[in-house]
Every structure is written in structure tokens, then in C-alpha cells.
Amino acid sequence: MSSTLEVESEIKPFRHQRQFAFAPFMEEYDRVNDFFLIGGYGCGKSFSIVLLILNIVNQFDGHEITVGLGSVTISLFRKTIWVDLERILKMSGSIYSYDKQQNIIRIGTISFQVIPVENPGNIYAYNFSIFICDEIDELPQDKALMAFTAIHERTRVRLPGGRSAFACFATTAQGYKGCYQITEELKKKKKPFVLMRGHTRDNTSLSPSYLKDLESLYNENEKEAFLEGKFVNLSTGRVYGDYNGKECAWSEFEPGPDETIFIGQDKNIGFCWGVSLFKREGKLFIHRTFNFESLGSAPLQMRQAYPTNPIEWFPDASAEEIINLYIKEIRANGIQPRLSGHNPSVIERIFCVNKMFKSGRLFVIDNGKNEHLDMSLKVRQFDDKGEPQKGRGEKSPDHVCDALEYVLFRIVMSDLDYRDIAEIAKKMNQAQKIRIGSTAA
């Protein structure tokens, strides 16, 4: 499409826009399948996507390929990306169509399927060669993770010329949320990816006074996140603001064969996260996490993990009726169930987790068995109503954190070594809508 090329030559993209539009086609990245543009507000992320779309058309026009275009909602896509894309297509005289019933854009021989990723299940209906996703960090954390998984599973059709399928994500970082967790997990799995940053100040069309006003709105951490495209700790949004992964880590060591093991367990259909702790010299150590397929499979797995230790089990109180079905098996494995009849208040139990970390009496053992818990403690956020976010997916951070909260709260409230925290926790429960983080009490 020569007309598109002529228009493109008149556009002077910013550095990060050029990187995003061309990196997937550079020889040095031909084995990379994930590309991320993390940008500040107003840096031109949407137009970066437009340039990438134009480059895809120029690269593959003449071949029938399908590209996914993911946005939080269809309405958002039409108000942002489509406005700029349609303008460029009209300027270039390009042949295109937009079927708004089917949400399919055709440019030359390329089909772009527009998908609202707020419902990740929508993605599984298609097969793509390329997927472009806008603002994945605007999704709730569990949905962002589910969307990324779905995109990976369905972006699998090799491109003409043999290049493997790939996905591109452009978003503003919202702290330690979905995009941060996605990139951290890619690092752990040693899967290569390209991360580009777009600064708000790189957009030279913005007036200096506008930039100055933006900067005045944010604290230092928010400036790094919202103006520089960095992953930073936006502590006012974190549930466990007193958790520092480095300071709260403890070198690997094992409980003695006679030390009591305390295990908290959450309840869900198809997965049940558990967290085990033991106490030594006034400190509590998180030894490992479990992911049981069901409550019924938990007793044997716990006993296999701790063959000789006394085990006290603190399950989700809402599962008490189900637990009673397995009570013989639980006791046959020498496990003492600690049933309370009701779960502790969210305010009290989150406060206990935060203040045990802050006071240097709670540590996560660095033994390779607590990676999901570590990540969950870093990334779980408060929602717009000031409540800890709840998710449905297996990797959603609230489930494993709930398991920790159940057991830790019961220990703190019954052990005299932690009386100071227990007394404050009771007072905290009397307040309404308190956001418990690093500045609490």
C-alpha cells in the first residue's frame, strides 16, 4: 500500500513510538514473542499502536493474516486508537472497512479483530498471528493475568516468512499490578521479552505548562509511574504496604522434626492455596505454600510435607461444613483442625500481616517454595472503594494471601509474644473503611 507508506514518511514519531512499531520486525528480536511499551500519561501510546498497525499492513499486505486488537472496552478503542487510525487511513487514501457488528477492521488483506479484553474469555474464540493489547494494566489484576494467558494461547499462527507469532502491549504502569507481575514471571521463566519506556516529556507536542501542572499533581513515586513509565511501589494502593521482599526474606532453613507447623488454607473450586509457618525465638517463618486440588486432598499432602511435625490447621471458616466431611481423614493424619466458626475481619487480619512484617517478627523463607506468595504480597491492591481486591483466577493474589491471613491472625491473637499487635488490631477493627498499609498505626 504505497499511499500508507507516503503518509508514514511524513510522520515524525517519538523514539519510543519507533521502537514499538519496528522492534518486532528487527532481526535481533526475531525469537522474542512479547513486546511491552510502558509509558507515562500523554506519551503517545495510542498512536504508537497506530504506527504498529500501519507497519504490519506494510509488512504483510498481500497475505491473509488475522491480528487481534485488544482494548479494555470497544468504546475505549473507538475513542482512542480508531480515531487516529481512521484519520491516517483517510489521509493515505487506503482501502479499508470497519464492520462494527463483528468488530472487524480490514486494511488490504489484513483482518484486525477488535476484542474487549475486560472479558478474557472473548479471546479464546480466535487464532491470531499478532495480538496488540492496549492498557492491560487498567484491568483488575486477575483479569490482566487471565488476558495475558489467553492472548498467549491464541496468538500462535506463524507469519508469512516464518516469523513466529508475537504479542505487543502498550500501557501505563499502575504500580505493582498485572503488567509488573507478567514481566516478573517472564523473567523467572527466562523467557525473553522487550520492554520499552515512553516518558511523558518525550511528547514534544505537550506544552511546558501542561507538563509542569502534571508534575505538581504527583508524589515522587507517582511521577515515576505516571510520567516515566516505571514500575514502582504506589504504596497507598498496596494492601501489604509494610512488606518489603528483600528485608522480609530469610535465608533457607528448615523446621526441626518436632517443631509445630501452623497451616492456613483458603477454599476455592479447583484450587485451595495453603501457607505453612513455624515459630522460633519469637519470630514466625513462612516455610512454604501449597496449592491443593481440593480440601479433601490437603491432609495427606500436608502430612507428606511434614512427616513427624505436629500440625495445626487453620482453614477458611466458610468451608467448615466441607471440612467436617473429611474430619476422620484429617485426624487420621495426626492433624489438629483449628475451627473458629467464622473468619476474622479483613481489617484485623491485614493489619496483623503488615505489622508482623514491620516489627521484624515475620519472614518469608527464600527456598523456592514461596514465589507466588512473595509476588502476591507485593502486588495485591485496594480497589476504588478502599477494599482489598478480590479475584477469581488461580493466580489472583488474594487467595494465597487469605490463607496467610487466616493462620497468622489466629496465632497473633493467641500468642502472648504478639500481644502488642493483637491489642492494636482489635482497636483497628472498630474503625470504618481504614486503609491498612505502611502508614497504619
Foldseek 3Di string as FASTA:
>chain_A
DVLLVVLVVVDDAFPLLVCLQCVCPDPVCLVAFEEEEAEAPQLCLLVSVLSNVSSVCVVAQVDAFEEEEEEQDPVVCCVGNVVVNVVSCVNSVWDWDADPVQRWIDTRNYIYRYDNLLPLVVLQVAAHLEYEHEALQVHAQVSSVSNVVSCVVRNADADPVGRTRHYYYYHQHPALGNVVVVVVVCVVVVRDYHYHYGFNVSPVVDDPVVVVVVVVVDDPQCCCRNGTRDHHHPFLWALQQLDDQVLQEDEDDDDDLAFEKEKFWEADAQWIKMWIWTDDPQAIETHAMDIDRHPLVPQVVVCVVRVRYAYEYQYALVCVVVVVVCVVVNVVSNYHYDHDNHFDDPQLLSLLSNVCSNVVRYHYYPDPRCPLQSSLNRHFTADPQLHTDDDRDPSHSPRNVSRVSRRSSVCLCPDPSNVVSNVVSVVRVVDPSDRDHPPDD
